């Protein structure tokens, strides 16, 4: 299981459920997250259940494009990557 620091560059490698379900502020998103999108971890969200994994709030979108969404992810849905340009 990966652990990411604030400011870590990550890539979406899986979506557990619909991309829309991950959105933090859906009405402000250009679109929901998709597999292959990149972003930056902007917040850690601890789980209320001791056995559940921490979740990460990521601001991201397509590599080289403006930010498209703000969404939460489980660690298994993300992988480290190069910072988005």
PDB file of N, CA and C in Angstrom:
ATOM      1  N   UNK A   1       0.849  -1.183   0.000  1.00  0.00           N
ATOM      2  CA  UNK A   1       0.000   0.000   0.000  1.00  0.00           C
ATOM      3  C   UNK A   1       0.890   1.241   0.000  1.00  0.00           C
ATOM      4  N   UNK A   2       0.590   2.179  -0.867  1.00  0.00           N
ATOM      5  CA  UNK A   2       1.376   3.402  -0.972  1.00  0.00           C
ATOM      6  C   UNK A   2       0.860   4.459  -0.009  1.00  0.00           C
ATOM      7  N   UNK A   3       1.793   5.269   0.454  1.00  0.00           N
ATOM      8  CA  UNK A   3       1.454   6.429   1.274  1.00  0.00           C
ATOM      9  C   UNK A   3       2.056   7.636   0.582  1.00  0.00           C
ATOM     10  N   UNK A   4       1.256   8.661   0.418  1.00  0.00           N
ATOM     11  CA  UNK A   4       1.691   9.834  -0.322  1.00  0.00           C
ATOM     12  C   UNK A   4       1.724  11.050   0.598  1.00  0.00           C
ATOM     13  N   UNK A   5       2.735  11.865   0.437  1.00  0.00           N
ATOM     14  CA  UNK A   5       2.846  13.115   1.197  1.00  0.00           C
ATOM     15  C   UNK A   5       2.083  14.217   0.482  1.00  0.00           C
ATOM     16  N   UNK A   6       1.759  15.262   1.235  1.00  0.00           N
ATOM     17  CA  UNK A   6       1.157  16.442   0.609  1.00  0.00           C
ATOM     18  C   UNK A   6       2.113  16.952  -0.464  1.00  0.00           C
ATOM     19  N   UNK A   7       1.578  17.293  -1.614  1.00  0.00           N
ATOM     20  CA  UNK A   7       2.390  17.773  -2.718  1.00  0.00           C
ATOM     21  C   UNK A   7       2.924  16.676  -3.621  1.00  0.00           C
ATOM     22  N   UNK A   8       2.702  15.402  -3.264  1.00  0.00           N
ATOM     23  CA  UNK A   8       3.164  14.300  -4.105  1.00  0.00           C
ATOM     24  C   UNK A   8       2.426  14.281  -5.431  1.00  0.00           C
ATOM     25  N   UNK A   9       3.153  14.036  -6.509  1.00  0.00           N
ATOM     26  CA  UNK A   9       2.537  13.854  -7.814  1.00  0.00           C
ATOM     27  C   UNK A   9       2.065  12.410  -7.916  1.00  0.00           C
ATOM     28  N   UNK A  10       0.823  12.225  -8.353  1.00  0.00           N
ATOM     29  CA  UNK A  10       0.237  10.889  -8.454  1.00  0.00           C
ATOM     30  C   UNK A  10      -0.502  10.738  -9.779  1.00  0.00           C
ATOM     31  N   UNK A  11      -0.686   9.482 -10.188  1.00  0.00           N
ATOM     32  CA  UNK A  11      -1.478   9.167 -11.371  1.00  0.00           C
ATOM     33  C   UNK A  11      -2.610   8.250 -10.945  1.00  0.00           C
ATOM     34  N   UNK A  12      -3.800   8.480 -11.501  1.00  0.00           N
ATOM     35  CA  UNK A  12      -4.958   7.630 -11.228  1.00  0.00           C
ATOM     36  C   UNK A  12      -4.761   6.340 -12.021  1.00  0.00           C
ATOM     37  N   UNK A  13      -4.667   5.204 -11.300  1.00  0.00           N
ATOM     38  CA  UNK A  13      -4.451   3.915 -11.963  1.00  0.00           C
ATOM     39  C   UNK A  13      -5.676   3.008 -11.868  1.00  0.00           C
ATOM     40  N   UNK A  14      -6.651   3.377 -11.045  1.00  0.00           N
ATOM     41  CA  UNK A  14      -7.885   2.599 -10.897  1.00  0.00           C
ATOM     42  C   UNK A  14      -8.959   3.516 -10.333  1.00  0.00           C
ATOM     43  N   UNK A  15     -10.197   3.178 -10.603  1.00  0.00           N
ATOM     44  CA  UNK A  15     -11.332   3.905 -10.025  1.00  0.00           C
ATOM     45  C   UNK A  15     -12.280   2.872  -9.423  1.00  0.00           C
ATOM     46  N   UNK A  16     -12.421   2.896  -8.124  1.00  0.00           N
ATOM     47  CA  UNK A  16     -13.382   2.031  -7.444  1.00  0.00           C
ATOM     48  C   UNK A  16     -14.730   2.737  -7.478  1.00  0.00           C
ATOM     49  N   UNK A  17     -15.549   2.402  -8.458  1.00  0.00           N
ATOM     50  CA  UNK A  17     -16.818   3.092  -8.653  1.00  0.00           C
ATOM     51  C   UNK A  17     -16.694   4.119  -9.765  1.00  0.00           C
ATOM     52  N   UNK A  18     -17.732   4.894  -9.937  1.00  0.00           N
ATOM     53  CA  UNK A  18     -17.753   5.927 -10.973  1.00  0.00           C
ATOM     54  C   UNK A  18     -16.842   7.084 -10.601  1.00  0.00           C
ATOM     55  N   UNK A  19     -16.268   7.721 -11.605  1.00  0.00           N
ATOM     56  CA  UNK A  19     -15.424   8.886 -11.364  1.00  0.00           C
ATOM     57  C   UNK A  19     -16.169   9.997 -10.659  1.00  0.00           C
ATOM     58  N   UNK A  20     -17.463  10.161 -10.983  1.00  0.00           N
ATOM     59  CA  UNK A  20     -18.284  11.205 -10.363  1.00  0.00           C
ATOM     60  C   UNK A  20     -18.377  11.021  -8.852  1.00  0.00           C
ATOM     61  N   UNK A  21     -18.344   9.778  -8.385  1.00  0.00           N
ATOM     62  CA  UNK A  21     -18.460   9.498  -6.952  1.00  0.00           C
ATOM     63  C   UNK A  21     -17.221   9.947  -6.175  1.00  0.00           C
ATOM     64  N   UNK A  22     -16.115  10.165  -6.856  1.00  0.00           N
ATOM     65  CA  UNK A  22     -14.874  10.593  -6.211  1.00  0.00           C
ATOM     66  C   UNK A  22     -14.806  12.108  -6.014  1.00  0.00           C
ATOM     67  N   UNK A  23     -15.620  12.856  -6.735  1.00  0.00           N
ATOM     68  CA  UNK A  23     -15.515  14.319  -6.729  1.00  0.00           C
ATOM     69  C   UNK A  23     -15.810  14.923  -5.363  1.00  0.00           C
ATOM     70  N   UNK A  24     -15.012  15.914  -4.983  1.00  0.00           N
ATOM     71  CA  UNK A  24     -15.224  16.653  -3.738  1.00  0.00           C
ATOM     72  C   UNK A  24     -16.207  17.788  -3.983  1.00  0.00           C
ATOM     73  N   UNK A  25     -16.019  18.509  -5.060  1.00  0.00           N
ATOM     74  CA  UNK A  25     -16.877  19.649  -5.394  1.00  0.00           C
ATOM     75  C   UNK A  25     -17.346  19.467  -6.827  1.00  0.00           C
ATOM     76  N   UNK A  26     -18.284  18.551  -7.020  1.00  0.00           N
ATOM     77  CA  UNK A  26     -18.714  18.151  -8.345  1.00  0.00           C
ATOM     78  C   UNK A  26     -19.195  19.269  -9.241  1.00  0.00           C
ATOM     79  N   UNK A  27     -19.899  20.224  -8.690  1.00  0.00           N
ATOM     80  CA  UNK A  27     -20.447  21.274  -9.568  1.00  0.00           C
ATOM     81  C   UNK A  27     -19.376  22.211 -10.100  1.00  0.00           C
ATOM     82  N   UNK A  28     -18.184  22.185  -9.501  1.00  0.00           N
ATOM     83  CA  UNK A  28     -17.095  23.041  -9.965  1.00  0.00           C
ATOM     84  C   UNK A  28     -16.114  22.287 -10.858  1.00  0.00           C
ATOM     85  N   UNK A  29     -16.280  20.974 -10.975  1.00  0.00           N
ATOM     86  CA  UNK A  29     -15.365  20.169 -11.779  1.00  0.00           C
ATOM     87  C   UNK A  29     -15.659  20.342 -13.263  1.00  0.00           C
ATOM     88  N   UNK A  30     -14.611  20.375 -14.063  1.00  0.00           N
ATOM     89  CA  UNK A  30     -14.765  20.410 -15.512  1.00  0.00           C
ATOM     90  C   UNK A  30     -15.268  19.052 -15.985  1.00  0.00           C
ATOM     91  N   UNK A  31     -14.766  17.991 -15.338  1.00  0.00           N
ATOM     92  CA  UNK A  31     -15.170  16.612 -15.624  1.00  0.00           C
ATOM     93  C   UNK A  31     -14.716  15.735 -14.459  1.00  0.00           C
ATOM     94  N   UNK A  32     -15.209  14.514 -14.361  1.00  0.00           N
ATOM     95  CA  UNK A  32     -14.749  13.621 -13.300  1.00  0.00           C
ATOM     96  C   UNK A  32     -13.365  13.042 -13.616  1.00  0.00           C
ATOM     97  N   UNK A  33     -12.684  12.510 -12.614  1.00  0.00           N
ATOM     98  CA  UNK A  33     -11.382  11.900 -12.863  1.00  0.00           C
ATOM     99  C   UNK A  33     -11.505  10.655 -13.737  1.00  0.00           C
ATOM    100  N   UNK A  34     -10.410  10.374 -14.479  1.00  0.00           N
ATOM    101  CA  UNK A  34     -10.329   9.195 -15.343  1.00  0.00           C
ATOM    102  C   UNK A  34      -8.997   8.505 -15.094  1.00  0.00           C
ATOM    103  N   UNK A  35      -8.965   7.212 -15.369  1.00  0.00           N
ATOM    104  CA  UNK A  35      -7.707   6.476 -15.275  1.00  0.00           C
ATOM    105  C   UNK A  35      -6.707   7.118 -16.234  1.00  0.00           C
ATOM    106  N   UNK A  36      -5.492   7.342 -15.732  1.00  0.00           N
ATOM    107  CA  UNK A  36      -4.447   7.991 -16.515  1.00  0.00           C
ATOM    108  C   UNK A  36      -4.254   9.454 -16.164  1.00  0.00           C
ATOM    109  N   UNK A  37      -5.247  10.072 -15.516  1.00  0.00           N
ATOM    110  CA  UNK A  37      -5.102  11.463 -15.088  1.00  0.00           C
ATOM    111  C   UNK A  37      -3.980  11.580 -14.066  1.00  0.00           C
ATOM    112  N   UNK A  38      -3.396  12.758 -13.979  1.00  0.00           N
ATOM    113  CA  UNK A  38      -2.347  13.039 -13.007  1.00  0.00           C
ATOM    114  C   UNK A  38      -2.783  14.201 -12.121  1.00  0.00           C
ATOM    115  N   UNK A  39      -2.177  14.284 -10.949  1.00  0.00           N
ATOM    116  CA  UNK A  39      -2.510  15.374 -10.049  1.00  0.00           C
ATOM    117  C   UNK A  39      -1.546  15.454  -8.882  1.00  0.00           C
ATOM    118  N   UNK A  40      -1.921  16.267  -7.924  1.00  0.00           N
ATOM    119  CA  UNK A  40      -1.105  16.515  -6.739  1.00  0.00           C
ATOM    120  C   UNK A  40      -1.962  16.287  -5.503  1.00  0.00           C
ATOM    121  N   UNK A  41      -1.412  15.564  -4.526  1.00  0.00           N
ATOM    122  CA  UNK A  41      -2.110  15.337  -3.260  1.00  0.00           C
ATOM    123  C   UNK A  41      -2.167  16.654  -2.501  1.00  0.00           C
ATOM    124  N   UNK A  42      -3.381  17.103  -2.157  1.00  0.00           N
ATOM    125  CA  UNK A  42      -3.545  18.378  -1.458  1.00  0.00           C
ATOM    126  C   UNK A  42      -4.062  18.205  -0.029  1.00  0.00           C
ATOM    127  N   UNK A  43      -4.514  16.995   0.320  1.00  0.00           N
ATOM    128  CA  UNK A  43      -5.006  16.767   1.681  1.00  0.00           C
ATOM    129  C   UNK A  43      -5.061  15.278   1.966  1.00  0.00           C
ATOM    130  N   UNK A  44      -4.830  14.931   3.238  1.00  0.00           N
ATOM    131  CA  UNK A  44      -5.015  13.562   3.727  1.00  0.00           C
ATOM    132  C   UNK A  44      -6.337  13.513   4.467  1.00  0.00           C
ATOM    133  N   UNK A  45      -7.113  12.454   4.257  1.00  0.00           N
ATOM    134  CA  UNK A  45      -8.394  12.296   4.939  1.00  0.00           C
ATOM    135  C   UNK A  45      -8.336  10.997   5.730  1.00  0.00           C
ATOM    136  N   UNK A  46      -8.145  11.079   7.052  1.00  0.00           N
ATOM    137  CA  UNK A  46      -8.092   9.851   7.848  1.00  0.00           C
ATOM    138  C   UNK A  46      -9.455   9.174   7.873  1.00  0.00           C
ATOM    139  N   UNK A  47      -9.427   7.870   7.956  1.00  0.00           N
ATOM    140  CA  UNK A  47     -10.661   7.095   7.998  1.00  0.00           C
ATOM    141  C   UNK A  47     -11.195   7.049   9.423  1.00  0.00           C
ATOM    142  N   UNK A  48     -12.504   7.011   9.545  1.00  0.00           N
ATOM    143  CA  UNK A  48     -13.135   6.880  10.863  1.00  0.00           C
ATOM    144  C   UNK A  48     -12.961   5.469  11.399  1.00  0.00           C
ATOM    145  N   UNK A  49     -12.867   4.496  10.514  1.00  0.00           N
ATOM    146  CA  UNK A  49     -12.700   3.095  10.926  1.00  0.00           C
ATOM    147  C   UNK A  49     -11.214   2.770  11.007  1.00  0.00           C
ATOM    148  N   UNK A  50     -10.767   2.207  12.123  1.00  0.00           N
ATOM    149  CA  UNK A  50      -9.332   1.908  12.279  1.00  0.00           C
ATOM    150  C   UNK A  50      -8.786   0.972  11.201  1.00  0.00           C
ATOM    151  N   UNK A  51      -9.621   0.083  10.672  1.00  0.00           N
ATOM    152  CA  UNK A  51      -9.142  -0.876   9.678  1.00  0.00           C
ATOM    153  C   UNK A  51      -9.142  -0.319   8.258  1.00  0.00           C
ATOM    154  N   UNK A  52      -9.764   0.822   8.052  1.00  0.00           N
ATOM    155  CA  UNK A  52      -9.850   1.401   6.713  1.00  0.00           C
ATOM    156  C   UNK A  52      -8.619   2.252   6.411  1.00  0.00           C
ATOM    157  N   UNK A  53      -8.258   2.310   5.140  1.00  0.00           N
ATOM    158  CA  UNK A  53      -7.080   3.069   4.723  1.00  0.00           C
ATOM    159  C   UNK A  53      -7.378   4.566   4.658  1.00  0.00           C
ATOM    160  N   UNK A  54      -6.331   5.339   4.807  1.00  0.00           N
ATOM    161  CA  UNK A  54      -6.415   6.785   4.614  1.00  0.00           C
ATOM    162  C   UNK A  54      -6.845   7.049   3.175  1.00  0.00           C
ATOM    163  N   UNK A  55      -7.539   8.142   2.953  1.00  0.00           N
ATOM    164  CA  UNK A  55      -7.898   8.569   1.597  1.00  0.00           C
ATOM    165  C   UNK A  55      -7.141   9.848   1.302  1.00  0.00           C
ATOM    166  N   UNK A  56      -6.970  10.138   0.031  1.00  0.00           N
ATOM    167  CA  UNK A  56      -6.219  11.301  -0.404  1.00  0.00           C
ATOM    168  C   UNK A  56      -7.089  12.198  -1.270  1.00  0.00           C
ATOM    169  N   UNK A  57      -7.020  13.498  -1.011  1.00  0.00           N
ATOM    170  CA  UNK A  57      -7.683  14.469  -1.871  1.00  0.00           C
ATOM    171  C   UNK A  57      -6.639  14.926  -2.881  1.00  0.00           C
ATOM    172  N   UNK A  58      -6.995  14.811  -4.154  1.00  0.00           N
ATOM    173  CA  UNK A  58      -6.070  15.113  -5.248  1.00  0.00           C
ATOM    174  C   UNK A  58      -6.711  16.152  -6.160  1.00  0.00           C
ATOM    175  N   UNK A  59      -5.904  17.130  -6.567  1.00  0.00           N
ATOM    176  CA  UNK A  59      -6.332  18.102  -7.570  1.00  0.00           C
ATOM    177  C   UNK A  59      -5.656  17.684  -8.865  1.00  0.00           C
ATOM    178  N   UNK A  60      -6.439  17.466  -9.927  1.00  0.00           N
ATOM    179  CA  UNK A  60      -5.795  16.955 -11.124  1.00  0.00           C
ATOM    180  C   UNK A  60      -6.592  17.075 -12.389  1.00  0.00           C
ATOM    181  N   UNK A  61      -6.085  16.376 -13.402  1.00  0.00           N
ATOM    182  CA  UNK A  61      -6.671  16.365 -14.735  1.00  0.00           C
ATOM    183  C   UNK A  61      -5.714  15.690 -15.690  1.00  0.00           C
ATOM    184  N   UNK A  62      -5.823  15.990 -16.975  1.00  0.00           N
ATOM    185  CA  UNK A  62      -4.939  15.404 -17.975  1.00  0.00           C
ATOM    186  C   UNK A  62      -3.562  16.040 -17.889  1.00  0.00           C
ATOM    187  N   UNK A  63      -2.531  15.247 -18.151  1.00  0.00           N
ATOM    188  CA  UNK A  63      -1.158  15.769 -18.123  1.00  0.00           C
ATOM    189  C   UNK A  63      -1.038  16.930 -19.101  1.00  0.00           C
ATOM    190  N   UNK A  64      -0.474  18.040 -18.642  1.00  0.00           N
ATOM    191  CA  UNK A  64      -0.267  19.204 -19.478  1.00  0.00           C
ATOM    192  C   UNK A  64      -1.468  20.129 -19.623  1.00  0.00           C
ATOM    193  N   UNK A  65      -2.583  19.797 -18.969  1.00  0.00           N
ATOM    194  CA  UNK A  65      -3.791  20.624 -19.070  1.00  0.00           C
ATOM    195  C   UNK A  65      -4.053  21.317 -17.734  1.00  0.00           C
ATOM    196  N   UNK A  66      -4.974  22.269 -17.752  1.00  0.00           N
ATOM    197  CA  UNK A  66      -5.371  22.933 -16.507  1.00  0.00           C
ATOM    198  C   UNK A  66      -6.087  21.923 -15.606  1.00  0.00           C
ATOM    199  N   UNK A  67      -6.142  22.209 -14.311  1.00  0.00           N
ATOM    200  CA  UNK A  67      -6.829  21.321 -13.379  1.00  0.00           C
ATOM    201  C   UNK A  67      -8.287  21.156 -13.780  1.00  0.00           C
ATOM    202  N   UNK A  68      -8.781  19.928 -13.701  1.00  0.00           N
ATOM    203  CA  UNK A  68     -10.148  19.616 -14.120  1.00  0.00           C
ATOM    204  C   UNK A  68     -11.052  19.197 -12.979  1.00  0.00           C
ATOM    205  N   UNK A  69     -10.460  18.707 -11.860  1.00  0.00           N
ATOM    206  CA  UNK A  69     -11.280  18.163 -10.777  1.00  0.00           C
ATOM    207  C   UNK A  69     -10.530  18.176  -9.454  1.00  0.00           C
ATOM    208  N   UNK A  70     -11.281  18.023  -8.368  1.00  0.00           N
ATOM    209  CA  UNK A  70     -10.780  17.826  -7.011  1.00  0.00           C
ATOM    210  C   UNK A  70     -11.519  16.596  -6.509  1.00  0.00           C
ATOM    211  N   UNK A  71     -10.784  15.536  -6.162  1.00  0.00           N
ATOM    212  CA  UNK A  71     -11.435  14.262  -5.861  1.00  0.00           C
ATOM    213  C   UNK A  71     -10.686  13.487  -4.778  1.00  0.00           C
ATOM    214  N   UNK A  72     -11.378  12.539  -4.144  1.00  0.00           N
ATOM    215  CA  UNK A  72     -10.766  11.682  -3.129  1.00  0.00           C
ATOM    216  C   UNK A  72     -10.506  10.296  -3.706  1.00  0.00           C
ATOM    217  N   UNK A  73      -9.411   9.679  -3.240  1.00  0.00           N
ATOM    218  CA  UNK A  73      -9.009   8.368  -3.718  1.00  0.00           C
ATOM    219  C   UNK A  73      -8.472   7.517  -2.578  1.00  0.00           C
ATOM    220  N   UNK A  74      -8.646   6.214  -2.711  1.00  0.00           N
ATOM    221  CA  UNK A  74      -7.991   5.250  -1.830  1.00  0.00           C
ATOM    222  C   UNK A  74      -6.553   5.078  -2.327  1.00  0.00           C
ATOM    223  N   UNK A  75      -5.649   4.649  -1.461  1.00  0.00           N
ATOM    224  CA  UNK A  75      -4.251   4.485  -1.885  1.00  0.00           C
ATOM    225  C   UNK A  75      -4.081   3.569  -3.094  1.00  0.00           C
ATOM    226  N   UNK A  76      -4.878   2.507  -3.189  1.00  0.00           N
ATOM    227  CA  UNK A  76      -4.749   1.548  -4.296  1.00  0.00           C
ATOM    228  C   UNK A  76      -5.178   2.126  -5.641  1.00  0.00           C
ATOM    229  N   UNK A  77      -5.826   3.279  -5.632  1.00  0.00           N
ATOM    230  CA  UNK A  77      -6.264   3.909  -6.876  1.00  0.00           C
ATOM    231  C   UNK A  77      -5.203   4.841  -7.458  1.00  0.00           C
ATOM    232  N   UNK A  78      -4.105   5.035  -6.728  1.00  0.00           N
ATOM    233  CA  UNK A  78      -3.076   6.004  -7.122  1.00  0.00           C
ATOM    234  C   UNK A  78      -1.702   5.355  -7.198  1.00  0.00           C
ATOM    235  N   UNK A  79      -0.840   5.935  -8.031  1.00  0.00           N
ATOM    236  CA  UNK A  79       0.560   5.529  -8.108  1.00  0.00           C
ATOM    237  C   UNK A  79       1.407   6.788  -8.218  1.00  0.00           C
ATOM    238  N   UNK A  80       2.638   6.740  -7.681  1.00  0.00           N
ATOM    239  CA  UNK A  80       3.516   7.898  -7.823  1.00  0.00           C
ATOM    240  C   UNK A  80       3.857   8.131  -9.290  1.00  0.00           C
ATOM    241  N   UNK A  81       4.077   9.383  -9.655  1.00  0.00           N
ATOM    242  CA  UNK A  81       4.443   9.730 -11.037  1.00  0.00           C
ATOM    243  C   UNK A  81       5.267  11.008 -11.012  1.00  0.00           C
ATOM    244  N   UNK A  82       5.665  11.436 -12.186  1.00  0.00           N
ATOM    245  CA  UNK A  82       6.368  12.707 -12.325  1.00  0.00           C
ATOM    246  C   UNK A  82       5.373  13.843 -12.135  1.00  0.00           C
ATOM    247  N   UNK A  83       5.792  14.982 -11.613  1.00  0.00           N
ATOM    248  CA  UNK A  83       4.879  16.116 -11.451  1.00  0.00           C
ATOM    249  C   UNK A  83       4.261  16.514 -12.787  1.00  0.00           C
ATOM    250  N   UNK A  84       2.952  16.881 -12.754  1.00  0.00           N
ATOM    251  CA  UNK A  84       2.316  17.320 -14.004  1.00  0.00           C
ATOM    252  C   UNK A  84       2.922  18.620 -14.483  1.00  0.00           C
ATOM    253  N   UNK A  85       2.977  18.785 -15.790  1.00  0.00           N
ATOM    254  CA  UNK A  85       3.540  20.023 -16.374  1.00  0.00           C
ATOM    255  C   UNK A  85       2.472  21.052 -16.585  1.00  0.00           C
TER     256      UNK A  85
END
